[in-house]
N, C-alpha and C. Protein backbone atom coordinates (compact mmCIF):
# COMPACT_ATOMS: atom_id res chain seq x y z
N LYS A 1 -7.23 -1.00 -37.74
CA LYS A 1 -6.91 -1.58 -36.46
C LYS A 1 -5.85 -0.72 -35.63
N LYS A 2 -6.17 -0.62 -34.39
CA LYS A 2 -5.28 0.16 -33.53
C LYS A 2 -4.06 -0.53 -33.18
N GLY A 3 -2.81 0.13 -33.07
CA GLY A 3 -1.59 -0.43 -32.76
C GLY A 3 -1.53 -0.59 -31.33
N PRO A 4 -0.66 -1.37 -30.68
CA PRO A 4 -0.55 -1.53 -29.22
C PRO A 4 -0.17 -0.36 -28.53
N GLN A 5 0.61 0.55 -29.10
CA GLN A 5 0.85 1.85 -28.31
C GLN A 5 -0.30 2.80 -28.24
N VAL A 6 -1.09 2.75 -29.27
CA VAL A 6 -2.29 3.65 -29.22
C VAL A 6 -3.25 3.08 -28.26
N ALA A 7 -3.46 1.69 -28.23
CA ALA A 7 -4.40 1.00 -27.20
C ALA A 7 -3.98 1.18 -25.84
N GLN A 8 -2.56 1.28 -25.54
CA GLN A 8 -2.10 1.45 -24.33
C GLN A 8 -2.34 2.78 -23.75
N ARG A 9 -2.10 3.87 -24.71
CA ARG A 9 -2.33 5.17 -24.24
C ARG A 9 -3.92 5.31 -23.94
N GLU A 10 -4.76 4.84 -24.78
CA GLU A 10 -6.16 4.98 -24.42
C GLU A 10 -6.62 4.33 -23.22
N MET A 11 -5.97 3.24 -22.94
CA MET A 11 -6.23 2.54 -21.53
C MET A 11 -5.70 3.31 -20.49
N GLN A 12 -4.59 4.01 -20.54
CA GLN A 12 -4.17 4.81 -19.52
C GLN A 12 -5.02 5.97 -19.28
N SER A 13 -5.69 6.62 -20.32
CA SER A 13 -6.47 7.77 -20.30
C SER A 13 -7.85 7.40 -19.68
N GLU A 14 -8.21 6.18 -19.71
CA GLU A 14 -9.40 5.74 -19.17
C GLU A 14 -9.49 5.51 -17.66
N ILE A 15 -8.37 5.00 -17.23
CA ILE A 15 -8.28 4.65 -15.73
C ILE A 15 -7.96 6.01 -14.96
N THR A 16 -8.75 6.37 -13.96
CA THR A 16 -8.34 7.43 -13.09
C THR A 16 -8.42 6.94 -11.67
N ALA A 17 -7.85 7.70 -10.75
CA ALA A 17 -8.10 7.43 -9.33
C ALA A 17 -7.97 8.76 -8.63
N PRO A 18 -8.63 8.85 -7.39
CA PRO A 18 -8.54 10.16 -6.62
C PRO A 18 -7.34 9.89 -5.68
N PHE A 19 -6.72 11.22 -5.51
CA PHE A 19 -5.64 11.30 -4.63
C PHE A 19 -5.76 12.45 -3.65
N ILE A 20 -5.07 12.30 -2.51
CA ILE A 20 -5.16 13.36 -1.48
C ILE A 20 -3.81 14.11 -1.47
N ALA A 21 -2.77 13.63 -1.98
CA ALA A 21 -1.33 14.14 -1.92
C ALA A 21 -0.29 13.52 -2.77
N VAL A 22 0.60 14.16 -3.12
CA VAL A 22 1.95 13.70 -3.70
C VAL A 22 2.96 14.43 -2.99
N ASN A 23 3.86 13.68 -2.12
CA ASN A 23 4.85 14.29 -1.30
C ASN A 23 6.22 13.68 -1.79
N ARG A 24 7.03 14.65 -2.26
CA ARG A 24 8.38 14.38 -2.76
C ARG A 24 9.39 14.41 -1.67
N HIS A 25 10.62 13.78 -2.16
CA HIS A 25 11.97 13.86 -1.37
C HIS A 25 11.72 13.22 0.11
N ARG A 26 11.05 12.04 0.11
CA ARG A 26 11.15 11.47 1.44
C ARG A 26 12.38 10.40 1.56
N ILE A 27 13.01 10.49 2.73
CA ILE A 27 14.16 9.56 2.90
C ILE A 27 13.99 8.73 4.13
N GLY A 28 14.09 7.39 4.04
CA GLY A 28 14.08 6.68 5.29
C GLY A 28 12.71 6.41 5.92
N THR A 29 11.73 6.67 5.18
CA THR A 29 10.44 6.50 5.80
C THR A 29 9.53 5.59 5.02
N ASP A 30 9.78 5.41 3.75
CA ASP A 30 9.04 4.54 2.88
C ASP A 30 9.89 3.57 2.17
N GLY A 31 10.84 2.99 2.86
CA GLY A 31 11.71 2.03 2.21
C GLY A 31 13.03 2.69 1.81
N VAL A 32 13.75 2.00 0.90
CA VAL A 32 15.07 2.40 0.42
C VAL A 32 15.13 3.70 -0.38
N GLY A 33 16.24 4.48 -0.14
CA GLY A 33 16.42 5.66 -0.93
C GLY A 33 15.40 6.80 -0.93
N VAL A 34 15.39 7.59 -1.89
CA VAL A 34 14.52 8.80 -2.02
C VAL A 34 13.30 8.25 -2.68
N THR A 35 12.09 8.58 -1.92
CA THR A 35 10.85 8.16 -2.45
C THR A 35 9.85 9.37 -2.68
N THR A 36 8.85 9.20 -3.46
CA THR A 36 7.78 10.02 -3.48
C THR A 36 6.52 9.27 -2.94
N LEU A 37 5.83 9.86 -1.97
CA LEU A 37 4.67 9.26 -1.50
C LEU A 37 3.40 9.69 -2.19
N VAL A 38 2.76 8.79 -2.79
CA VAL A 38 1.43 9.03 -3.63
C VAL A 38 0.34 8.49 -2.76
N ALA A 39 -0.57 9.31 -2.30
CA ALA A 39 -1.58 8.97 -1.35
C ALA A 39 -3.00 9.02 -1.97
N PHE A 40 -3.59 7.88 -2.04
CA PHE A 40 -4.91 7.68 -2.68
C PHE A 40 -5.98 8.04 -1.66
N HIS A 41 -7.08 8.49 -2.11
CA HIS A 41 -8.33 8.77 -1.34
C HIS A 41 -9.10 7.59 -1.36
N GLY A 42 -9.74 7.42 -0.07
CA GLY A 42 -10.66 6.21 0.10
C GLY A 42 -9.94 5.05 0.89
N CYS A 43 -10.66 4.46 1.77
CA CYS A 43 -10.23 3.33 2.69
C CYS A 43 -11.37 2.57 3.16
N PRO A 44 -11.22 1.27 3.26
CA PRO A 44 -12.31 0.47 3.74
C PRO A 44 -12.46 0.46 5.30
N LEU A 45 -11.44 0.83 6.01
CA LEU A 45 -11.28 0.86 7.52
C LEU A 45 -11.80 2.29 8.02
N ARG A 46 -12.22 2.23 9.34
CA ARG A 46 -12.43 3.46 10.05
C ARG A 46 -11.74 3.45 11.39
N CYS A 47 -10.39 3.55 11.19
CA CYS A 47 -9.52 3.34 12.42
C CYS A 47 -9.66 4.67 13.33
N ARG A 48 -9.56 4.30 14.61
CA ARG A 48 -9.75 5.31 15.73
C ARG A 48 -8.75 6.46 15.51
N TYR A 49 -7.47 6.08 15.21
CA TYR A 49 -6.43 6.99 15.18
C TYR A 49 -5.97 7.15 13.93
N CYS A 50 -6.78 7.40 12.94
CA CYS A 50 -6.51 7.69 11.49
C CYS A 50 -5.54 8.80 11.37
N LEU A 51 -4.40 8.58 10.70
CA LEU A 51 -3.37 9.50 10.32
C LEU A 51 -3.89 10.50 9.20
N ASN A 52 -4.60 10.12 8.27
CA ASN A 52 -5.04 10.81 7.10
C ASN A 52 -6.56 10.89 7.05
N PRO A 53 -7.30 11.63 7.89
CA PRO A 53 -8.76 11.53 7.87
C PRO A 53 -9.40 12.14 6.65
N GLN A 54 -8.52 12.88 5.82
CA GLN A 54 -9.00 13.47 4.64
C GLN A 54 -9.21 12.37 3.43
N CYS A 55 -8.63 11.19 3.77
CA CYS A 55 -8.76 10.26 2.64
C CYS A 55 -10.24 9.70 2.85
N LEU A 56 -10.95 9.91 3.91
CA LEU A 56 -12.36 9.47 4.10
C LEU A 56 -13.40 10.59 3.83
N GLN A 57 -12.90 11.82 3.65
CA GLN A 57 -13.80 12.99 3.50
C GLN A 57 -14.27 13.04 2.11
N ALA A 58 -15.59 13.45 1.86
CA ALA A 58 -15.91 13.62 0.50
C ALA A 58 -15.19 14.74 -0.21
N GLY A 59 -14.91 15.89 0.44
CA GLY A 59 -14.03 16.85 -0.10
C GLY A 59 -12.55 16.75 -0.05
N GLY A 60 -12.09 15.56 0.36
CA GLY A 60 -10.67 15.42 0.70
C GLY A 60 -9.95 15.06 -0.56
N VAL A 61 -10.55 14.94 -1.81
CA VAL A 61 -9.76 14.71 -2.98
C VAL A 61 -9.05 15.87 -3.55
N TRP A 62 -7.67 15.69 -3.69
CA TRP A 62 -6.75 16.81 -4.18
C TRP A 62 -6.92 16.90 -5.66
N ARG A 63 -6.71 15.61 -6.33
CA ARG A 63 -6.87 15.68 -7.75
C ARG A 63 -7.26 14.15 -8.15
N ARG A 64 -7.94 14.14 -9.41
CA ARG A 64 -8.18 12.77 -10.06
C ARG A 64 -7.05 12.69 -11.16
N LEU A 65 -6.31 11.56 -11.32
CA LEU A 65 -5.34 11.32 -12.33
C LEU A 65 -5.29 10.20 -12.92
N THR A 66 -4.85 10.09 -14.24
CA THR A 66 -4.61 8.88 -14.87
C THR A 66 -3.18 8.42 -14.53
N PRO A 67 -2.77 7.20 -14.87
CA PRO A 67 -1.39 6.77 -14.65
C PRO A 67 -0.57 7.54 -15.44
N GLY A 68 -0.81 8.02 -16.60
CA GLY A 68 0.10 8.80 -17.45
C GLY A 68 0.19 10.31 -16.73
N GLU A 69 -0.86 10.79 -16.25
CA GLU A 69 -0.76 12.06 -15.64
C GLU A 69 0.13 12.05 -14.33
N LEU A 70 -0.12 10.87 -13.62
CA LEU A 70 0.68 10.60 -12.43
C LEU A 70 2.17 10.61 -12.73
N TYR A 71 2.56 9.98 -13.80
CA TYR A 71 3.78 9.77 -14.20
C TYR A 71 4.43 11.10 -14.53
N SER A 72 3.63 12.04 -15.15
CA SER A 72 4.17 13.29 -15.42
C SER A 72 4.43 14.25 -14.18
N GLU A 73 3.71 13.85 -13.14
CA GLU A 73 3.93 14.62 -11.83
C GLU A 73 5.13 14.01 -11.10
N VAL A 74 5.63 12.78 -11.22
CA VAL A 74 6.63 12.36 -10.37
C VAL A 74 8.04 11.98 -11.10
N GLU A 75 7.94 12.03 -12.52
CA GLU A 75 9.13 11.80 -13.33
C GLU A 75 10.30 12.79 -13.10
N ILE A 76 9.93 13.95 -12.59
CA ILE A 76 10.99 14.98 -12.03
C ILE A 76 12.12 14.44 -11.24
N ASP A 77 11.88 13.38 -10.37
CA ASP A 77 12.74 12.90 -9.57
C ASP A 77 13.37 11.62 -9.98
N ASP A 78 13.35 11.28 -11.31
CA ASP A 78 13.90 9.96 -11.71
C ASP A 78 15.29 9.80 -11.38
N LEU A 79 16.16 10.75 -11.45
CA LEU A 79 17.58 10.63 -11.09
C LEU A 79 17.75 10.27 -9.70
N TYR A 80 16.95 10.93 -8.82
CA TYR A 80 17.13 10.60 -7.47
C TYR A 80 16.76 9.17 -7.11
N PHE A 81 15.70 8.78 -7.85
CA PHE A 81 15.18 7.23 -7.61
C PHE A 81 16.29 6.33 -8.10
N VAL A 82 16.66 6.50 -9.24
CA VAL A 82 17.69 5.58 -9.98
C VAL A 82 18.96 5.57 -9.00
N ALA A 83 19.36 6.78 -8.52
CA ALA A 83 20.75 6.77 -7.82
C ALA A 83 20.71 6.29 -6.58
N THR A 84 19.51 6.27 -5.70
CA THR A 84 19.46 5.96 -4.48
C THR A 84 18.72 4.46 -4.22
N GLY A 85 18.05 4.03 -5.35
CA GLY A 85 17.33 2.83 -5.29
C GLY A 85 15.98 3.01 -4.79
N GLY A 86 15.61 4.13 -4.91
CA GLY A 86 14.14 4.59 -4.41
C GLY A 86 13.07 4.52 -5.46
N GLY A 87 12.00 5.22 -5.26
CA GLY A 87 10.93 5.18 -6.12
C GLY A 87 9.63 5.76 -5.72
N ILE A 88 8.56 5.09 -6.02
CA ILE A 88 7.22 5.44 -5.57
C ILE A 88 6.71 4.52 -4.37
N CYS A 89 6.10 5.21 -3.36
CA CYS A 89 5.44 4.49 -2.37
C CYS A 89 3.84 4.94 -2.45
N PHE A 90 3.00 3.96 -2.68
CA PHE A 90 1.63 4.28 -2.76
C PHE A 90 1.02 4.06 -1.50
N GLY A 91 0.40 5.16 -0.91
CA GLY A 91 -0.18 4.87 0.47
C GLY A 91 -1.73 5.54 0.37
N GLY A 92 -2.16 6.06 1.48
CA GLY A 92 -3.44 6.63 1.49
C GLY A 92 -3.95 6.91 2.80
N GLY A 93 -5.18 6.59 3.10
CA GLY A 93 -6.10 5.77 2.26
C GLY A 93 -5.51 4.19 1.96
N GLU A 94 -6.31 3.54 1.25
CA GLU A 94 -5.79 2.20 0.87
C GLU A 94 -5.53 2.10 -0.53
N PRO A 95 -4.35 1.98 -0.78
CA PRO A 95 -3.74 1.98 -2.33
C PRO A 95 -4.25 0.74 -3.01
N LEU A 96 -4.53 -0.49 -2.47
CA LEU A 96 -4.80 -1.58 -3.08
C LEU A 96 -6.32 -1.71 -3.39
N LEU A 97 -7.11 -0.56 -3.10
CA LEU A 97 -8.38 -0.53 -3.77
C LEU A 97 -8.16 0.05 -5.11
N TYR A 98 -7.07 0.35 -5.51
CA TYR A 98 -6.69 0.85 -6.92
C TYR A 98 -5.51 -0.02 -7.67
N SER A 99 -5.63 -1.19 -7.28
CA SER A 99 -4.60 -2.04 -7.86
C SER A 99 -4.38 -2.04 -9.37
N GLU A 100 -5.46 -1.93 -10.19
CA GLU A 100 -5.27 -1.82 -11.54
C GLU A 100 -4.57 -0.57 -11.91
N PHE A 101 -4.85 0.47 -11.28
CA PHE A 101 -4.15 1.84 -11.52
C PHE A 101 -2.73 1.67 -11.28
N ILE A 102 -2.20 0.87 -10.22
CA ILE A 102 -0.96 0.81 -9.93
C ILE A 102 -0.12 -0.28 -10.90
N ARG A 103 -0.87 -1.17 -11.32
CA ARG A 103 -0.41 -2.02 -12.37
C ARG A 103 -0.08 -1.36 -13.64
N THR A 104 -1.12 -0.58 -14.13
CA THR A 104 -0.90 0.28 -15.32
C THR A 104 0.25 1.24 -15.08
N PHE A 105 0.37 1.81 -14.01
CA PHE A 105 1.44 2.83 -13.78
C PHE A 105 2.82 2.07 -13.87
N SER A 106 2.96 0.97 -13.44
CA SER A 106 4.18 0.22 -13.36
C SER A 106 4.67 -0.05 -14.88
N GLY A 107 3.59 -0.19 -15.68
CA GLY A 107 4.03 -0.36 -17.08
C GLY A 107 4.48 0.75 -17.83
N ILE A 108 4.50 1.90 -17.38
CA ILE A 108 4.97 3.15 -17.89
C ILE A 108 5.95 3.87 -17.21
N MET A 109 6.32 3.41 -15.98
CA MET A 109 7.32 4.07 -15.38
C MET A 109 8.82 3.60 -15.71
N ASN A 110 9.88 4.17 -15.27
CA ASN A 110 11.17 3.68 -15.49
C ASN A 110 11.13 2.36 -14.66
N PRO A 111 11.54 1.22 -15.33
CA PRO A 111 11.56 -0.07 -14.55
C PRO A 111 12.67 -0.09 -13.46
N GLU A 112 13.56 0.88 -13.36
CA GLU A 112 14.62 1.02 -12.22
C GLU A 112 13.92 1.45 -10.99
N TRP A 113 12.74 2.03 -11.16
CA TRP A 113 12.14 2.54 -9.81
C TRP A 113 11.68 1.41 -8.96
N ARG A 114 11.72 1.61 -7.68
CA ARG A 114 11.17 0.67 -6.64
C ARG A 114 9.76 1.19 -6.34
N LEU A 115 8.73 0.14 -6.45
CA LEU A 115 7.36 0.39 -6.07
C LEU A 115 7.03 -0.21 -4.73
N THR A 116 6.52 0.50 -3.81
CA THR A 116 6.13 0.00 -2.54
C THR A 116 4.72 0.35 -2.29
N VAL A 117 3.95 -0.40 -1.52
CA VAL A 117 2.60 -0.01 -1.01
C VAL A 117 2.61 -0.14 0.37
N GLU A 118 1.80 0.76 1.15
CA GLU A 118 1.47 0.72 2.44
C GLU A 118 0.03 0.42 2.59
N THR A 119 -0.30 -0.79 3.01
CA THR A 119 -1.63 -1.35 2.86
C THR A 119 -2.16 -2.01 4.18
N SER A 120 -3.36 -1.98 4.49
CA SER A 120 -3.99 -2.76 5.57
C SER A 120 -4.26 -4.17 5.07
N LEU A 121 -4.10 -4.45 3.81
CA LEU A 121 -4.34 -5.77 3.25
C LEU A 121 -5.93 -6.14 3.30
N ASN A 122 -6.69 -5.33 3.75
CA ASN A 122 -8.19 -5.57 3.85
C ASN A 122 -8.87 -5.35 2.51
N VAL A 123 -8.49 -5.92 1.52
CA VAL A 123 -9.02 -5.85 0.23
C VAL A 123 -9.36 -7.19 -0.43
N PRO A 124 -10.09 -7.28 -1.46
CA PRO A 124 -10.27 -8.63 -2.26
C PRO A 124 -8.98 -9.16 -2.60
N LEU A 125 -8.82 -10.42 -2.53
CA LEU A 125 -7.61 -11.14 -2.94
C LEU A 125 -7.18 -10.95 -4.41
N GLU A 126 -8.17 -10.69 -5.41
CA GLU A 126 -7.82 -10.38 -6.72
C GLU A 126 -7.08 -9.06 -6.82
N ASN A 127 -7.36 -8.04 -5.97
CA ASN A 127 -6.52 -6.82 -5.95
C ASN A 127 -5.10 -7.11 -5.72
N ILE A 128 -4.94 -8.00 -4.84
CA ILE A 128 -3.51 -8.44 -4.38
C ILE A 128 -2.79 -9.02 -5.51
N LYS A 129 -3.45 -10.13 -6.15
CA LYS A 129 -2.82 -10.78 -7.17
C LYS A 129 -2.40 -9.86 -8.37
N THR A 130 -3.20 -8.89 -8.47
CA THR A 130 -2.89 -7.86 -9.75
C THR A 130 -1.53 -7.32 -9.61
N ILE A 131 -1.09 -6.95 -8.38
CA ILE A 131 0.23 -6.34 -8.17
C ILE A 131 1.36 -6.98 -7.31
N ALA A 132 0.98 -8.24 -6.92
CA ALA A 132 1.95 -8.98 -6.02
C ALA A 132 3.27 -9.05 -6.51
N THR A 133 3.50 -9.31 -7.81
CA THR A 133 4.78 -9.45 -8.49
C THR A 133 5.50 -8.08 -8.63
N LEU A 134 4.79 -6.98 -8.57
CA LEU A 134 5.41 -5.67 -8.97
C LEU A 134 5.84 -4.92 -7.83
N VAL A 135 5.36 -5.08 -6.55
CA VAL A 135 5.69 -4.27 -5.46
C VAL A 135 6.26 -4.94 -4.27
N GLN A 136 6.92 -4.02 -3.27
CA GLN A 136 7.05 -4.48 -2.05
C GLN A 136 6.06 -3.91 -1.13
N MET A 137 5.76 -4.63 0.00
CA MET A 137 4.53 -4.17 0.90
C MET A 137 4.99 -3.91 2.21
N TYR A 138 4.32 -2.78 2.78
CA TYR A 138 4.35 -2.55 4.19
C TYR A 138 2.84 -2.89 4.63
N ILE A 139 2.65 -3.87 5.28
CA ILE A 139 1.30 -4.26 5.76
C ILE A 139 1.08 -3.98 7.27
N ASP A 140 0.10 -3.05 7.51
CA ASP A 140 -0.29 -2.67 8.94
C ASP A 140 -1.46 -3.56 9.35
N ILE A 141 -1.17 -4.57 10.14
CA ILE A 141 -2.23 -5.48 10.32
C ILE A 141 -3.03 -5.06 11.53
N LYS A 142 -2.67 -3.93 12.23
CA LYS A 142 -3.37 -3.43 13.31
C LYS A 142 -3.13 -4.48 14.55
N ASP A 143 -3.94 -5.51 14.75
CA ASP A 143 -3.75 -6.55 15.58
C ASP A 143 -4.54 -7.90 15.10
N LEU A 144 -3.96 -8.96 15.16
CA LEU A 144 -4.51 -10.20 14.51
C LEU A 144 -5.69 -10.73 15.41
N THR A 145 -5.89 -10.35 16.61
CA THR A 145 -7.15 -10.76 17.35
C THR A 145 -8.28 -10.07 16.73
N PRO A 146 -9.22 -10.99 16.29
CA PRO A 146 -10.46 -10.34 15.70
C PRO A 146 -11.22 -9.31 16.49
N ALA A 147 -11.58 -9.54 17.65
CA ALA A 147 -12.13 -8.55 18.56
C ALA A 147 -11.46 -7.23 18.56
N ILE A 148 -10.18 -7.26 18.81
CA ILE A 148 -9.37 -6.06 18.87
C ILE A 148 -9.43 -5.32 17.55
N TYR A 149 -9.23 -6.01 16.43
CA TYR A 149 -9.13 -5.45 15.05
C TYR A 149 -10.46 -4.81 14.79
N ASN A 150 -11.53 -5.61 15.10
CA ASN A 150 -12.99 -5.03 14.87
C ASN A 150 -13.21 -3.54 15.75
N ALA A 151 -12.81 -3.73 16.98
CA ALA A 151 -13.03 -2.54 17.84
C ALA A 151 -12.15 -1.32 17.32
N TYR A 152 -11.05 -1.52 16.78
CA TYR A 152 -10.29 -0.44 16.37
C TYR A 152 -10.54 0.12 14.95
N THR A 153 -10.92 -0.86 14.13
CA THR A 153 -11.05 -0.42 12.72
C THR A 153 -12.58 -0.34 12.30
N GLY A 154 -13.50 -1.07 12.98
CA GLY A 154 -14.83 -1.11 12.67
C GLY A 154 -15.14 -2.30 11.48
N LYS A 155 -14.12 -3.15 11.40
CA LYS A 155 -14.32 -4.13 10.21
C LYS A 155 -13.71 -5.39 10.78
N ASP A 156 -14.00 -6.48 9.95
CA ASP A 156 -13.54 -7.78 10.28
C ASP A 156 -12.17 -7.99 9.62
N ASN A 157 -11.35 -8.96 10.22
CA ASN A 157 -10.02 -8.95 9.63
C ASN A 157 -9.86 -10.54 8.97
N ALA A 158 -10.85 -11.12 8.80
CA ALA A 158 -10.81 -12.55 8.15
C ALA A 158 -10.30 -12.42 6.89
N GLN A 159 -10.56 -11.38 6.07
CA GLN A 159 -10.03 -11.06 4.76
C GLN A 159 -8.48 -10.86 4.84
N VAL A 160 -8.08 -10.21 5.84
CA VAL A 160 -6.56 -9.93 6.02
C VAL A 160 -5.67 -11.19 6.29
N LEU A 161 -6.38 -12.01 7.10
CA LEU A 161 -5.74 -13.36 7.38
C LEU A 161 -5.58 -14.22 6.17
N ARG A 162 -6.62 -14.26 5.35
CA ARG A 162 -6.64 -15.02 4.15
C ARG A 162 -5.54 -14.55 3.12
N ASN A 163 -5.41 -13.23 3.07
CA ASN A 163 -4.51 -12.65 2.11
C ASN A 163 -3.07 -12.80 2.60
N LEU A 164 -2.93 -12.79 3.80
CA LEU A 164 -1.61 -13.08 4.34
C LEU A 164 -1.15 -14.46 4.09
N GLU A 165 -2.14 -15.36 4.12
CA GLU A 165 -1.85 -16.82 3.96
C GLU A 165 -1.54 -17.04 2.49
N TRP A 166 -2.26 -16.22 1.58
CA TRP A 166 -1.93 -16.34 0.06
C TRP A 166 -0.63 -15.84 -0.21
N LEU A 167 -0.15 -14.62 0.34
CA LEU A 167 1.01 -13.99 0.08
C LEU A 167 2.18 -15.06 0.44
N SER A 168 2.10 -15.58 1.57
CA SER A 168 2.99 -16.66 2.06
C SER A 168 3.13 -17.82 1.16
N ALA A 169 1.97 -18.31 0.86
CA ALA A 169 1.90 -19.59 0.07
C ALA A 169 2.36 -19.41 -1.41
N ASN A 170 2.39 -18.18 -1.90
CA ASN A 170 2.83 -17.95 -3.22
C ASN A 170 4.32 -17.15 -3.24
N GLY A 171 4.93 -17.37 -2.26
CA GLY A 171 6.30 -16.86 -2.34
C GLY A 171 6.65 -15.48 -2.31
N ASN A 172 5.71 -14.70 -1.50
CA ASN A 172 5.84 -13.18 -1.47
C ASN A 172 6.28 -12.90 0.11
N ALA A 173 6.51 -13.74 0.94
CA ALA A 173 6.65 -13.41 2.28
C ALA A 173 7.92 -12.44 2.39
N ASP A 174 8.92 -12.64 1.57
CA ASP A 174 10.17 -11.97 1.64
C ASP A 174 10.14 -10.43 1.12
N LYS A 175 8.98 -10.35 0.49
CA LYS A 175 8.67 -8.92 -0.02
C LYS A 175 7.91 -8.03 0.89
N VAL A 176 7.65 -8.64 2.05
CA VAL A 176 6.72 -8.07 2.99
C VAL A 176 7.38 -7.44 4.30
N ILE A 177 7.07 -6.29 4.75
CA ILE A 177 7.36 -5.96 6.16
C ILE A 177 5.98 -5.81 6.80
N VAL A 178 5.77 -6.51 7.90
CA VAL A 178 4.47 -6.45 8.63
C VAL A 178 4.69 -5.45 9.79
N ARG A 179 3.85 -4.43 9.88
CA ARG A 179 3.71 -3.48 10.89
C ARG A 179 2.96 -4.04 11.91
N LEU A 180 3.49 -4.00 13.24
CA LEU A 180 2.93 -4.54 14.42
C LEU A 180 2.83 -3.44 15.55
N PRO A 181 1.75 -2.65 15.40
CA PRO A 181 1.68 -1.48 16.38
C PRO A 181 1.13 -1.80 17.68
N LEU A 182 1.59 -1.11 18.66
CA LEU A 182 0.82 -1.18 19.95
C LEU A 182 0.05 0.01 20.14
N ILE A 183 -1.27 -0.32 20.17
CA ILE A 183 -2.34 0.71 20.01
C ILE A 183 -2.95 0.92 21.37
N PRO A 184 -2.46 2.15 22.11
CA PRO A 184 -3.07 2.29 23.41
C PRO A 184 -4.53 2.22 23.57
N GLY A 185 -4.98 1.47 24.54
CA GLY A 185 -6.45 1.33 24.78
C GLY A 185 -7.14 0.17 23.93
N TYR A 186 -6.37 -0.42 23.14
CA TYR A 186 -6.78 -1.43 22.23
C TYR A 186 -6.10 -2.84 22.40
N ASN A 187 -4.93 -2.82 22.06
CA ASN A 187 -4.17 -4.10 22.20
C ASN A 187 -3.20 -4.02 23.26
N THR A 188 -2.30 -5.22 23.42
CA THR A 188 -1.24 -5.33 24.43
C THR A 188 -0.12 -5.82 23.89
N GLU A 189 1.03 -5.90 24.56
CA GLU A 189 2.15 -6.48 24.17
C GLU A 189 2.10 -8.01 24.03
N ALA A 190 1.18 -8.57 24.84
CA ALA A 190 0.90 -10.02 24.71
C ALA A 190 0.16 -10.26 23.45
N THR A 191 -0.84 -9.48 23.03
CA THR A 191 -1.65 -9.80 21.76
C THR A 191 -0.62 -9.63 20.65
N ARG A 192 0.18 -8.51 20.60
CA ARG A 192 1.11 -8.25 19.67
C ARG A 192 2.05 -9.31 19.43
N LEU A 193 2.71 -9.83 20.54
CA LEU A 193 3.53 -11.05 20.53
C LEU A 193 2.86 -12.25 19.91
N SER A 194 1.70 -12.50 20.24
CA SER A 194 0.90 -13.62 19.72
C SER A 194 0.79 -13.48 18.32
N GLY A 195 0.37 -12.34 17.82
CA GLY A 195 0.30 -12.04 16.29
C GLY A 195 1.58 -12.26 15.62
N ARG A 196 2.64 -11.77 16.20
CA ARG A 196 3.96 -11.96 15.50
C ARG A 196 4.34 -13.58 15.44
N ARG A 197 4.00 -14.32 16.45
CA ARG A 197 4.35 -15.71 16.44
C ARG A 197 3.49 -16.38 15.29
N ARG A 198 2.26 -16.07 15.19
CA ARG A 198 1.38 -16.62 14.20
C ARG A 198 1.95 -16.25 12.64
N LEU A 199 2.37 -15.00 12.57
CA LEU A 199 2.91 -14.53 11.38
C LEU A 199 4.41 -15.30 11.03
N GLU A 200 5.14 -15.46 12.01
CA GLU A 200 6.32 -16.27 11.78
C GLU A 200 6.21 -17.66 11.34
N ALA A 201 5.06 -18.08 11.94
CA ALA A 201 4.72 -19.54 11.47
C ALA A 201 4.23 -19.76 10.08
N LEU A 202 3.71 -18.60 9.46
CA LEU A 202 3.39 -18.55 8.10
C LEU A 202 4.49 -18.26 7.24
N GLY A 203 5.60 -17.87 7.81
CA GLY A 203 6.80 -17.65 7.02
C GLY A 203 7.30 -16.24 6.90
N PHE A 204 6.67 -15.27 7.57
CA PHE A 204 7.00 -13.81 7.48
C PHE A 204 8.11 -13.65 8.51
N ALA A 205 9.11 -12.86 8.27
CA ALA A 205 10.25 -12.74 9.05
C ALA A 205 10.71 -11.25 9.23
N ARG A 206 10.15 -10.34 8.59
CA ARG A 206 10.42 -8.91 8.54
C ARG A 206 9.34 -8.11 9.26
N PHE A 207 9.56 -7.48 10.41
CA PHE A 207 8.66 -6.84 11.14
C PHE A 207 8.96 -5.33 11.60
N ASP A 208 8.05 -4.51 11.72
CA ASP A 208 8.26 -3.16 12.26
C ASP A 208 7.32 -2.98 13.45
N GLN A 209 7.85 -3.02 14.60
CA GLN A 209 7.17 -2.87 15.92
C GLN A 209 7.26 -1.42 16.29
N PHE A 210 6.19 -0.72 16.70
CA PHE A 210 6.16 0.65 17.09
C PHE A 210 4.85 0.82 17.85
N THR A 211 4.85 2.02 18.55
CA THR A 211 3.56 2.42 19.29
C THR A 211 2.97 3.60 18.61
N TYR A 212 1.76 3.55 18.47
CA TYR A 212 0.95 4.68 18.03
C TYR A 212 0.98 5.86 18.97
């Protein structure tokens, strides 16, 4: 019979995920302290102003890693993370496509590290439930108006709205910063304000407003 440590190592070796980059020593852009941005390949959206188009390209994968291999890549900055309250920020692409990978990684990292995800939240609810207690979230909702969202991303945002409602109903609103972009040619100050008011009614209070 295999012991728990052996079983855990085997599980870590079986889970892999594709990445486009690992960027170290980021300050003030991904939350508190010194962070390392770990960017996944793959995204359900097709945004008109995509900042990381390589995450959608078949040849855009930098490396495939297991959680243990990723830990070996990032543990070099442990002292910086602990001293500044920083840690790992998972971005992409869409990191919550790989929520099981993130959950497994959280079990082997230094528990003093802060885990953050930058997400569109347009993923199945089960993916969110897997990591909701483990991470803080930056959620880029684009715009809550369905027609604007669809025109900009090529997708429907009904799943995003359901996921926001679940996060709020389950006590996670205080762990979320909602990004409210003004997207030239797509939304307006009026639709952004309308979206913010809807989110405030759900219990969200932390926002990041900016212009693409």
